């Protein structure tokens, strides 16, 4: 028995050796067949690990390994899950009880005291210590026997939760995400995204709809979870939405793989995606993208400013979006079916900007957005090939942020500042006048939320930093308001600091 690669390498090239064998292709078993195999092996592993596997544990080992572990085959990866879950359950029951540890410590103390008494020729004392040691050893032996019998009677139970914990360690997907129902997970994600993404309800809804279709197994399971093209001006939350998807779907910001496509403007740069071909420098290092996805198959892949990439790079993306996999320079198939592909572009952003330069009313602006949407779609169709656009799940156009949306951004940024100051024991309150002042100073429709963040740094954080550095130990409540063209700060000492100050004055 050998693998296809080894057969080709050692046997097929020798014709005389090859004709002496009948070649039989052995395909991996299905999930149902794998469950039967694990049922047959269950008793052996239960005996080895001194545990009991539930029926749900066997089903979870097969289904989770099939869905979450790529690059290996059934039943091997399911058997490994069952084995590791059993070993984990056994190790958890192997700790020494405090009673046994206490007796062993007392026995060691008596033994040392007995040897000391013998050295001093105090034989009567040594005999008493020996008798006490014997009694303790007998008691300890009884406790150990009782514990072994209890372990035989009360075997550790391995269920689907233990299996899910092993899968979580191997793939990096948090355990709570695996055991929570798929539908509930997506519903929760949508609610949280609405809180953190300001003024882009359409974008959030469209992304969540595509993910729901995928998770409901309506879409092709071999394609990525979702493939999106984000369009719109700078600073409106395109990258931020990708970051939040990584956090809420895959448990952390480290699950975001960000690729700046301006680095792939030349034809030869396409090889950096999958790795250098054989014979070139860096062949064994793997590709910049494929190696990261191979190490973390559950992730959000963000291709930033995708319109700047060379057409050959775009051709590589076609296979990823359609087949959900790509072959790297080492001949390994890299699986993208558990990733979300997001591409950002500024194509047509000037059309969105022009719609806000003239004084539209609210209703006119809403109608105009639909017109602008059509124009941007036209610009996208001119730049990208039809086969690329045809593979996207959705082409999402982000709106420019109005003053109402920027006020929500102020609230979000202010909450972050509050959290940082709370650690120092300082509280801060921002009134409506100050919020309106910051929004007015930071409002640049064509630039999004970034000018507002700079305004908050200039008018709020910089003066506050100076006050904190002048009185680093002072615990103060700050009340922030606005007066004409400046932010005003009103300080009020906290009660504890007032009491300390009064005591100092009395002294």
Protein backbone atom coordinates (compact mmCIF):
# COMPACT_ATOMS: atom_id res chain seq x y z
CA UNK A 1 0.00 0.00 0.00
CA UNK A 2 1.33 3.41 -0.92
CA UNK A 3 0.20 6.89 -1.91
CA UNK A 4 -0.23 7.97 -5.53
CA UNK A 5 2.80 10.30 -5.29
CA UNK A 6 5.07 7.58 -3.90
CA UNK A 7 3.79 5.09 -6.50
CA UNK A 8 4.64 7.54 -9.28
CA UNK A 9 8.05 8.27 -7.76
CA UNK A 10 9.29 4.76 -6.96
CA UNK A 11 7.22 2.16 -8.86
CA UNK A 12 5.69 3.65 -12.01
CA UNK A 13 9.03 4.71 -13.50
CA UNK A 14 10.25 1.09 -13.28
CA UNK A 15 8.14 -0.70 -15.92
CA UNK A 16 9.32 -4.18 -14.90
CA UNK A 17 8.33 -3.59 -11.29
CA UNK A 18 5.05 -1.88 -12.17
CA UNK A 19 3.67 -4.77 -14.28
CA UNK A 20 4.01 -7.14 -11.32
CA UNK A 21 1.36 -5.19 -9.38
CA UNK A 22 -2.36 -4.73 -9.91
CA UNK A 23 -3.11 -1.06 -9.21
CA UNK A 24 -6.24 -0.49 -7.05
CA UNK A 25 -7.40 3.04 -6.27
CA UNK A 26 -8.72 3.36 -2.70
CA UNK A 27 -11.04 6.35 -2.29
CA UNK A 28 -11.71 7.90 1.15
CA UNK A 29 -14.95 6.64 2.76
CA UNK A 30 -18.09 8.76 3.00
CA UNK A 31 -19.23 10.31 6.29
CA UNK A 32 -21.73 7.48 6.87
CA UNK A 33 -19.06 4.84 6.27
CA UNK A 34 -16.66 6.73 8.54
CA UNK A 35 -19.23 6.67 11.37
CA UNK A 36 -19.46 2.87 11.03
CA UNK A 37 -15.65 2.62 11.15
CA UNK A 38 -15.50 4.75 14.31
CA UNK A 39 -18.28 2.69 15.91
CA UNK A 40 -16.14 -0.39 15.33
CA UNK A 41 -13.05 1.23 16.86
CA UNK A 42 -14.90 2.84 19.77
CA UNK A 43 -14.53 -0.06 22.22
CA UNK A 44 -10.74 -0.23 21.72
CA UNK A 45 -10.29 3.48 22.41
CA UNK A 46 -12.67 3.33 25.40
CA UNK A 47 -10.55 0.56 26.90
CA UNK A 48 -7.29 2.39 26.16
CA UNK A 49 -8.38 5.79 27.54
CA UNK A 50 -10.70 4.43 30.25
CA UNK A 51 -13.58 6.58 29.02
CA UNK A 52 -16.98 6.30 27.34
CA UNK A 53 -17.79 7.87 23.96
CA UNK A 54 -21.34 9.08 23.39
CA UNK A 55 -23.05 8.64 20.04
CA UNK A 56 -22.96 12.43 19.53
CA UNK A 57 -19.17 12.38 20.03
CA UNK A 58 -18.76 9.87 17.18
CA UNK A 59 -21.02 11.92 14.90
CA UNK A 60 -19.23 15.16 15.85
CA UNK A 61 -15.79 13.61 15.18
CA UNK A 62 -16.83 12.68 11.63
CA UNK A 63 -18.87 15.77 10.75
CA UNK A 64 -16.54 18.36 12.29
CA UNK A 65 -13.40 16.77 10.82
CA UNK A 66 -15.07 16.66 7.40
CA UNK A 67 -16.14 20.29 7.61
CA UNK A 68 -13.39 22.03 9.56
CA UNK A 69 -10.16 20.07 8.92
CA UNK A 70 -8.82 20.35 5.38
CA UNK A 71 -5.79 18.71 3.77
CA UNK A 72 -6.48 15.27 5.32
CA UNK A 73 -8.97 12.51 4.64
CA UNK A 74 -11.61 10.45 6.42
CA UNK A 75 -11.54 8.28 8.47
CA UNK A 76 -7.99 9.17 9.55
CA UNK A 77 -8.75 12.72 10.74
CA UNK A 78 -11.95 11.61 12.52
CA UNK A 79 -10.07 8.80 14.33
CA UNK A 80 -7.43 11.31 15.46
CA UNK A 81 -10.16 13.56 16.89
CA UNK A 82 -11.70 10.65 18.78
CA UNK A 83 -8.27 9.60 20.10
CA UNK A 84 -7.30 13.12 21.23
CA UNK A 85 -10.67 13.74 22.90
CA UNK A 86 -10.33 10.46 24.83
CA UNK A 87 -6.75 11.29 25.87
CA UNK A 88 -7.86 14.75 27.06
CA UNK A 89 -10.67 13.22 29.13
CA UNK A 90 -8.27 10.70 30.69
CA UNK A 91 -5.64 13.32 31.57
CA UNK A 92 -8.31 15.45 33.26
CA UNK A 93 -8.98 12.58 35.73
CA UNK A 94 -5.32 11.81 36.46
CA UNK A 95 -4.61 14.61 38.95
CA UNK A 96 -3.69 13.53 42.48
CA UNK A 97 -6.34 14.29 45.15
CA UNK A 98 -5.17 16.54 48.05
CA UNK A 99 -5.70 13.64 50.50
CA UNK A 100 -3.11 11.44 48.75
CA UNK A 101 -0.63 14.33 48.47
CA UNK A 102 -1.03 15.05 52.20
CA UNK A 103 -0.38 11.40 53.19
CA UNK A 104 2.68 11.15 50.92
CA UNK A 105 4.13 14.32 52.49
CA UNK A 106 3.56 12.97 56.02
CA UNK A 107 5.19 9.63 55.12
CA UNK A 108 8.25 11.43 53.74
CA UNK A 109 8.48 13.57 56.93
CA UNK A 110 8.27 10.46 59.16
CA UNK A 111 10.91 8.66 57.08
CA UNK A 112 13.38 11.53 57.44
CA UNK A 113 12.67 11.81 61.19
CA UNK A 114 13.19 8.03 61.56
CA UNK A 115 16.59 8.17 59.80
CA UNK A 116 17.61 11.10 61.99
CA UNK A 117 16.63 9.16 65.15
CA UNK A 118 18.63 6.12 64.01
CA UNK A 119 21.64 8.37 63.38
CA UNK A 120 21.36 9.68 66.97
CA UNK A 121 20.90 6.07 68.26
CA UNK A 122 17.41 6.88 69.60
CA UNK A 123 16.09 3.43 68.70
CA UNK A 124 12.88 3.57 70.75
CA UNK A 125 11.83 6.80 69.03
CA UNK A 126 12.82 5.34 65.65
CA UNK A 127 10.61 2.26 66.28
CA UNK A 128 7.58 4.46 67.04
CA UNK A 129 8.19 6.49 63.89
CA UNK A 130 8.49 3.26 61.86
CA UNK A 131 5.12 2.01 63.17
CA UNK A 132 3.48 5.36 62.35
CA UNK A 133 4.98 5.22 58.85
CA UNK A 134 3.64 1.69 58.28
CA UNK A 135 0.13 2.73 59.34
CA UNK A 136 0.18 5.74 57.03
CA UNK A 137 1.44 3.61 54.11
CA UNK A 138 -1.38 1.11 54.68
CA UNK A 139 -3.95 3.96 54.77
CA UNK A 140 -2.47 5.45 51.60
CA UNK A 141 -2.63 2.11 49.80
CA UNK A 142 -6.31 1.72 50.76
CA UNK A 143 -7.15 5.21 49.47
CA UNK A 144 -5.38 4.49 46.16
CA UNK A 145 -7.23 1.18 45.68
CA UNK A 146 -10.59 2.85 46.39
CA UNK A 147 -9.76 5.59 43.89
CA UNK A 148 -8.84 3.06 41.18
CA UNK A 149 -12.12 1.21 41.74
CA UNK A 150 -14.06 4.49 41.56
CA UNK A 151 -12.30 5.37 38.31
CA UNK A 152 -13.33 2.03 36.81
CA UNK A 153 -16.94 2.58 37.86
CA UNK A 154 -17.08 6.30 36.94
CA UNK A 155 -15.43 6.52 33.54
CA UNK A 156 -14.97 9.92 31.92
CA UNK A 157 -17.69 10.76 29.39
CA UNK A 158 -16.56 12.12 26.01
CA UNK A 159 -19.31 14.00 24.15
CA UNK A 160 -19.46 16.38 21.18
CA UNK A 161 -18.27 19.32 23.32
CA UNK A 162 -14.90 17.64 24.00
CA UNK A 163 -14.53 16.87 20.29
CA UNK A 164 -15.36 20.50 19.43
CA UNK A 165 -12.63 21.71 21.81
CA UNK A 166 -10.04 19.61 19.98
CA UNK A 167 -11.22 20.95 16.61
CA UNK A 168 -11.03 24.51 17.99
CA UNK A 169 -7.37 24.01 18.97
CA UNK A 170 -6.46 22.58 15.57
CA UNK A 171 -8.27 25.11 13.37
CA UNK A 172 -8.35 28.26 15.52
CA UNK A 173 -12.15 28.52 15.34
CA UNK A 174 -13.46 29.39 18.86
CA UNK A 175 -15.38 26.61 20.64
CA UNK A 176 -18.41 28.85 21.25
CA UNK A 177 -18.66 29.37 17.50
CA UNK A 178 -18.72 25.64 16.83
CA UNK A 179 -21.32 24.63 19.38
CA UNK A 180 -23.62 27.60 18.71
CA UNK A 181 -26.17 27.00 15.98
CA UNK A 182 -25.26 28.45 12.59
CA UNK A 183 -28.44 30.53 12.29
CA UNK A 184 -28.08 32.02 15.77
CA UNK A 185 -24.46 32.91 15.06
CA UNK A 186 -25.34 34.86 11.91
CA UNK A 187 -28.27 36.65 13.59
CA UNK A 188 -26.03 37.77 16.46
CA UNK A 189 -23.34 38.90 14.04
CA UNK A 190 -25.76 41.07 12.07
CA UNK A 191 -27.00 42.84 15.23
CA UNK A 192 -23.45 43.57 16.40
CA UNK A 193 -22.34 44.81 12.98
CA UNK A 194 -25.23 47.29 12.91
CA UNK A 195 -23.89 48.79 16.17
CA UNK A 196 -20.29 49.12 14.94
CA UNK A 197 -20.74 50.03 11.26
CA UNK A 198 -22.25 53.50 10.89
CA UNK A 199 -24.38 54.57 7.93
CA UNK A 200 -23.84 51.39 5.89
CA UNK A 201 -26.96 49.35 6.64
CA UNK A 202 -27.27 48.18 3.02
CA UNK A 203 -23.69 46.88 2.98
CA UNK A 204 -24.07 44.99 6.27
CA UNK A 205 -27.41 43.48 5.23
CA UNK A 206 -26.09 42.30 1.85
CA UNK A 207 -22.99 40.71 3.38
CA UNK A 208 -25.04 38.92 6.06
CA UNK A 209 -27.56 37.67 3.48
CA UNK A 210 -24.80 36.08 1.39
CA UNK A 211 -23.28 34.45 4.50
CA UNK A 212 -26.71 33.13 5.54
CA UNK A 213 -27.19 31.54 2.11
CA UNK A 214 -23.83 29.85 2.42
CA UNK A 215 -24.38 28.64 6.00
CA UNK A 216 -27.82 27.28 5.14
CA UNK A 217 -26.07 24.94 2.63
CA UNK A 218 -28.00 26.49 -0.25
CA UNK A 219 -24.80 27.51 -2.02
CA UNK A 220 -22.07 25.29 -3.45
CA UNK A 221 -20.14 24.00 -0.40
CA UNK A 222 -16.85 23.97 -2.33
CA UNK A 223 -16.90 27.71 -2.99
CA UNK A 224 -15.79 30.33 -0.42
CA UNK A 225 -18.35 31.40 2.20
CA UNK A 226 -18.72 34.67 0.32
CA UNK A 227 -16.97 36.74 -2.38
CA UNK A 228 -17.60 40.49 -2.22
CA UNK A 229 -16.41 43.62 -4.00
CA UNK A 230 -16.64 46.71 -1.76
CA UNK A 231 -16.83 50.03 -3.62
CA UNK A 232 -16.99 53.57 -2.27
CA UNK A 233 -14.94 56.55 -1.08
CA UNK A 234 -12.15 56.31 1.47
CA UNK A 235 -12.90 56.26 5.20
CA UNK A 236 -16.46 54.85 5.10
CA UNK A 237 -15.79 51.49 6.77
CA UNK A 238 -14.84 49.00 4.02
CA UNK A 239 -11.77 47.62 5.81
CA UNK A 240 -13.45 48.02 9.20
CA UNK A 241 -16.33 45.78 8.09
CA UNK A 242 -13.85 43.11 6.98
CA UNK A 243 -12.11 43.33 10.37
CA UNK A 244 -15.40 42.97 12.26
CA UNK A 245 -16.38 39.94 10.15
CA UNK A 246 -13.09 38.28 11.15
CA UNK A 247 -13.78 39.00 14.83
CA UNK A 248 -17.41 37.86 14.94
CA UNK A 249 -17.19 34.90 12.54
CA UNK A 250 -13.72 33.53 13.33
CA UNK A 251 -13.07 34.83 16.83
CA UNK A 252 -10.32 37.43 16.41
CA UNK A 253 -8.70 40.16 14.34
CA UNK A 254 -5.78 37.82 13.63
CA UNK A 255 -8.17 35.89 11.35
CA UNK A 256 -7.97 38.78 8.85
CA UNK A 257 -5.40 38.25 6.08
CA UNK A 258 -4.83 41.63 4.42
CA UNK A 259 -3.20 41.74 0.97
CA UNK A 260 -2.30 45.15 -0.49
CA UNK A 261 -2.85 44.69 -4.23
CA UNK A 262 -0.71 47.73 -5.11
CA UNK A 263 2.24 45.37 -4.45
CA UNK A 264 1.06 43.14 -7.32
CA UNK A 265 1.08 45.67 -10.19
CA UNK A 266 3.77 43.82 -12.17
CA UNK A 267 3.29 40.57 -14.10
CA UNK A 268 6.04 38.70 -12.21
CA UNK A 269 4.45 39.58 -8.84
CA UNK A 270 1.67 37.03 -9.49
CA UNK A 271 4.06 34.24 -8.44
CA UNK A 272 4.26 35.73 -4.93
CA UNK A 273 0.63 34.72 -4.32
CA UNK A 274 1.29 30.98 -4.76
CA UNK A 275 5.08 30.90 -4.31
CA UNK A 276 8.12 30.89 -6.59
CA UNK A 277 8.27 28.09 -9.21
CA UNK A 278 10.86 25.25 -8.86
CA UNK A 279 14.41 26.44 -9.47
CA UNK A 280 13.76 30.02 -8.36
CA UNK A 281 14.86 31.69 -5.12
CA UNK A 282 12.33 31.21 -2.31
CA UNK A 283 10.62 28.15 -3.83
CA UNK A 284 10.51 26.30 -0.49
CA UNK A 285 9.10 29.28 1.42
CA UNK A 286 5.61 29.00 -0.10
CA UNK A 287 3.31 31.78 -1.31
CA UNK A 288 2.51 34.94 0.65
CA UNK A 289 -1.22 34.21 0.47
CA UNK A 290 -1.40 30.42 0.16
CA UNK A 291 0.89 29.79 3.13
CA UNK A 292 -1.18 32.02 5.43
CA UNK A 293 -4.45 30.36 4.37
CA UNK A 294 -2.90 26.90 4.76
CA UNK A 295 -1.88 27.74 8.33
CA UNK A 296 -5.27 29.32 9.13
CA UNK A 297 -7.98 27.95 6.79
CA UNK A 298 -10.77 29.85 8.63
CA UNK A 299 -10.23 33.51 7.88
CA UNK A 300 -11.30 36.65 6.04
CA UNK A 301 -9.03 37.42 3.06
CA UNK A 302 -9.00 41.14 2.22
CA UNK A 303 -7.60 42.21 -1.18
CA UNK A 304 -7.17 45.97 -0.76
CA UNK A 305 -7.38 48.26 -3.83
CA UNK A 306 -7.89 45.31 -6.15
CA UNK A 307 -8.13 47.47 -9.30
CA UNK A 308 -4.36 48.14 -9.09
CA UNK A 309 -3.39 44.46 -9.47
CA UNK A 310 -2.01 42.99 -12.71
CA UNK A 311 -4.55 41.00 -14.81
CA UNK A 312 -2.58 37.77 -14.20
CA UNK A 313 -3.20 38.16 -10.47
CA UNK A 314 -6.92 38.58 -11.17
CA UNK A 315 -6.83 35.30 -13.12
CA UNK A 316 -5.60 33.55 -9.95
CA UNK A 317 -8.53 35.01 -8.02
CA UNK A 318 -10.99 33.54 -10.56
CA UNK A 319 -10.08 30.00 -9.55
CA UNK A 320 -10.30 30.81 -5.84
CA UNK A 321 -13.79 32.33 -6.20
CA UNK A 322 -15.15 29.55 -8.44
CA UNK A 323 -13.47 26.34 -7.20
CA UNK A 324 -12.62 27.39 -3.64
CA UNK A 325 -9.04 26.13 -3.98
CA UNK A 326 -5.71 26.87 -5.63
CA UNK A 327 -2.50 24.87 -6.13
CA UNK A 328 0.66 26.44 -4.71
CA UNK A 329 4.21 26.13 -6.07
CA UNK A 330 4.79 22.97 -3.98
CA UNK A 331 1.86 21.18 -5.63
CA UNK A 332 -0.37 21.39 -2.53
CA UNK A 333 -4.05 22.22 -2.94
CA UNK A 334 -4.89 25.17 -0.67
CA UNK A 335 -8.52 25.16 0.43
CA UNK A 336 -10.42 28.48 0.40
CA UNK A 337 -13.92 27.07 0.98
CA UNK A 338 -13.90 28.22 4.63
CA UNK A 339 -12.78 31.78 3.86
CA UNK A 340 -14.61 35.03 3.10
CA UNK A 341 -13.09 36.83 0.11
CA UNK A 342 -13.41 40.63 0.26
CA UNK A 343 -11.99 42.97 -2.40
CA UNK A 344 -12.04 46.75 -2.01
CA UNK A 345 -11.82 49.31 -4.80
CA UNK A 346 -12.16 53.08 -5.24
CA UNK A 347 -13.48 52.78 -8.80
CA UNK A 348 -16.19 55.37 -9.36
CA UNK A 349 -15.62 57.00 -5.96
CA UNK A 350 -15.45 60.41 -7.63
CA UNK A 351 -19.05 59.91 -8.83
CA UNK A 352 -20.22 59.41 -5.24
CA UNK A 353 -18.25 62.48 -4.15
CA UNK A 354 -19.86 64.70 -6.78
CA UNK A 355 -23.33 63.73 -5.56
CA UNK A 356 -22.61 65.41 -2.20
CA UNK A 357 -20.90 68.53 -3.54
CA UNK A 358 -24.17 70.19 -4.59
CA UNK A 359 -26.89 71.02 -2.02
CA UNK A 360 -29.31 68.12 -2.43
CA UNK A 361 -32.29 67.62 -0.16
CA UNK A 362 -32.61 64.35 1.77
CA UNK A 363 -35.06 62.77 -0.67
CA UNK A 364 -33.15 64.02 -3.73
CA UNK A 365 -29.93 62.62 -2.30
CA UNK A 366 -31.57 59.21 -1.76
CA UNK A 367 -32.82 59.10 -5.35
CA UNK A 368 -29.47 60.35 -6.61
CA UNK A 369 -27.70 57.50 -4.81
CA UNK A 370 -29.49 54.98 -7.04
CA UNK A 371 -28.34 56.88 -10.13
CA UNK A 372 -24.78 57.00 -8.81
CA UNK A 373 -25.01 53.27 -8.08
CA UNK A 374 -25.76 52.58 -11.75
CA UNK A 375 -22.85 54.79 -12.86
CA UNK A 376 -20.42 53.01 -10.54
CA UNK A 377 -21.61 49.63 -11.82
CA UNK A 378 -20.82 50.91 -15.32
CA UNK A 379 -17.29 51.95 -14.26
CA UNK A 380 -16.74 48.54 -12.66
CA UNK A 381 -17.92 46.70 -15.79
CA UNK A 382 -15.49 48.71 -17.91
CA UNK A 383 -12.51 47.87 -15.69
CA UNK A 384 -13.10 44.23 -14.69
CA UNK A 385 -13.68 41.26 -16.98
CA UNK A 386 -17.17 39.71 -17.07
CA UNK A 387 -15.86 36.36 -15.80
CA UNK A 388 -14.54 38.12 -12.68
CA UNK A 389 -17.77 40.01 -11.94
CA UNK A 390 -19.81 36.88 -12.62
CA UNK A 391 -18.08 35.02 -9.78
CA UNK A 392 -18.84 37.65 -7.12
CA UNK A 393 -21.64 37.03 -4.63
CA UNK A 394 -22.31 40.73 -4.37
CA UNK A 395 -20.95 44.08 -5.48
CA UNK A 396 -21.59 46.46 -2.55
CA UNK A 397 -21.44 50.25 -2.85
CA UNK A 398 -20.77 52.13 0.41
CA UNK A 399 -22.52 55.44 0.97
CA UNK A 400 -20.82 58.68 1.93
CA UNK A 401 -21.24 59.52 5.62
CA UNK A 402 -23.63 62.38 6.42
CA UNK A 403 -23.57 64.46 9.62
CA UNK A 404 -26.02 62.16 11.39
CA UNK A 405 -23.73 59.18 10.72
CA UNK A 406 -20.68 61.17 11.86
CA UNK A 407 -22.42 61.91 15.16
CA UNK A 408 -22.68 58.15 15.70
CA UNK A 409 -18.96 57.87 14.86
CA UNK A 410 -18.24 60.49 17.56
CA UNK A 411 -20.17 58.35 20.06
CA UNK A 412 -18.17 55.24 19.11
CA UNK A 413 -14.80 57.02 19.30
CA UNK A 414 -15.75 58.74 22.57
CA UNK A 415 -16.69 55.39 24.12
CA UNK A 416 -13.20 54.06 23.26
CA UNK A 417 -11.66 57.13 24.92
CA UNK A 418 -13.86 56.62 27.99
CA UNK A 419 -12.71 53.01 28.30
CA UNK A 420 -9.05 54.09 28.19
CA UNK A 421 -9.60 56.81 30.82
CA UNK A 422 -11.58 54.47 33.11
CA UNK A 423 -8.39 52.45 33.61
CA UNK A 424 -6.76 55.61 35.00
CA UNK A 425 -9.72 56.32 37.28
CA UNK A 426 -10.79 59.38 35.27
CA UNK A 427 -14.28 59.96 33.90
CA UNK A 428 -15.28 62.24 31.03
CA UNK A 429 -18.66 63.50 29.78
CA UNK A 430 -19.29 65.01 26.34
CA UNK A 431 -22.39 67.18 25.83
CA UNK A 432 -24.37 67.67 22.59
CA UNK A 433 -22.74 71.03 21.86
CA UNK A 434 -19.28 69.45 21.89
CA UNK A 435 -20.46 66.60 19.65
CA UNK A 436 -21.97 69.06 17.16
CA UNK A 437 -18.72 71.09 17.20
CA UNK A 438 -16.58 68.01 16.46
CA UNK A 439 -18.92 66.88 13.66
CA UNK A 440 -18.88 70.35 12.06
CA UNK A 441 -15.08 70.56 12.19
CA UNK A 442 -14.53 67.01 10.92
CA UNK A 443 -17.19 66.89 8.21
CA UNK A 444 -15.62 66.15 4.81
CA UNK A 445 -18.02 63.93 2.80
CA UNK A 446 -15.40 62.87 0.26
CA UNK A 447 -12.97 61.74 3.00
CA UNK A 448 -15.28 59.72 5.26
CA UNK A 449 -14.67 59.32 9.01
CA UNK A 450 -10.88 59.78 9.06
CA UNK A 451 -10.92 63.63 9.20
CA UNK A 452 -13.33 63.36 12.14
CA UNK A 453 -10.89 61.10 14.00
CA UNK A 454 -8.14 63.66 13.43
CA UNK A 455 -10.48 66.40 14.69
CA UNK A 456 -11.15 64.41 17.89
CA UNK A 457 -7.40 64.03 18.40
CA UNK A 458 -6.76 67.75 17.84
CA UNK A 459 -9.61 69.31 19.84
CA UNK A 460 -10.28 66.68 22.52
CA UNK A 461 -7.41 64.25 23.08
CA UNK A 462 -4.46 66.70 22.79
CA UNK A 463 -5.73 69.21 25.44
CA UNK A 464 -6.80 66.31 27.65
CA UNK A 465 -3.33 64.73 27.40
CA UNK A 466 -1.71 67.98 28.58
CA UNK A 467 -4.03 68.18 31.59
CA UNK A 468 -3.29 64.56 32.56
CA UNK A 469 0.48 65.05 32.27
CA UNK A 470 0.37 68.18 34.49
CA UNK A 471 -1.56 66.30 37.22
CA UNK A 472 -0.84 62.58 36.70
CA UNK A 473 -2.14 61.47 40.13
CA UNK A 474 -5.27 63.60 40.14
CA UNK A 475 -8.59 61.74 39.77
CA UNK A 476 -10.96 64.13 38.01
CA UNK A 477 -14.37 64.17 36.34
CA UNK A 478 -14.14 66.14 33.09
CA UNK A 479 -17.21 67.80 31.56
CA UNK A 480 -16.57 68.72 27.92
CA UNK A 481 -18.62 71.34 26.05
CA UNK A 482 -18.13 73.74 23.12
CA UNK A 483 -17.98 77.52 23.12
CA UNK A 484 -17.81 79.23 19.70
CA UNK A 485 -14.63 77.88 18.03
CA UNK A 486 -13.14 75.88 20.88
CA UNK A 487 -13.73 72.96 23.20
CA UNK A 488 -14.05 73.82 26.90
CA UNK A 489 -13.14 71.55 29.83
CA UNK A 490 -14.71 71.78 33.27
CA UNK A 491 -12.96 69.83 36.03
CA UNK A 492 -14.52 68.38 39.15
CA UNK A 493 -12.45 66.42 41.66
CA UNK A 494 -13.72 63.03 42.76
CA UNK A 495 -14.96 62.64 46.36
CA UNK A 496 -11.91 60.66 47.56
CA UNK A 497 -9.51 63.28 46.22
CA UNK A 498 -11.53 66.05 47.88
CA UNK A 499 -11.29 64.28 51.26
CA UNK A 500 -7.51 63.83 50.86
CA UNK A 501 -7.09 67.52 49.96
CA UNK A 502 -9.10 68.61 53.02
CA UNK A 503 -6.97 66.39 55.30
CA UNK A 504 -3.78 67.96 53.89
CA UNK A 505 -5.12 71.47 54.51
CA UNK A 506 -6.03 70.59 58.12
CA UNK A 507 -2.51 69.27 58.75
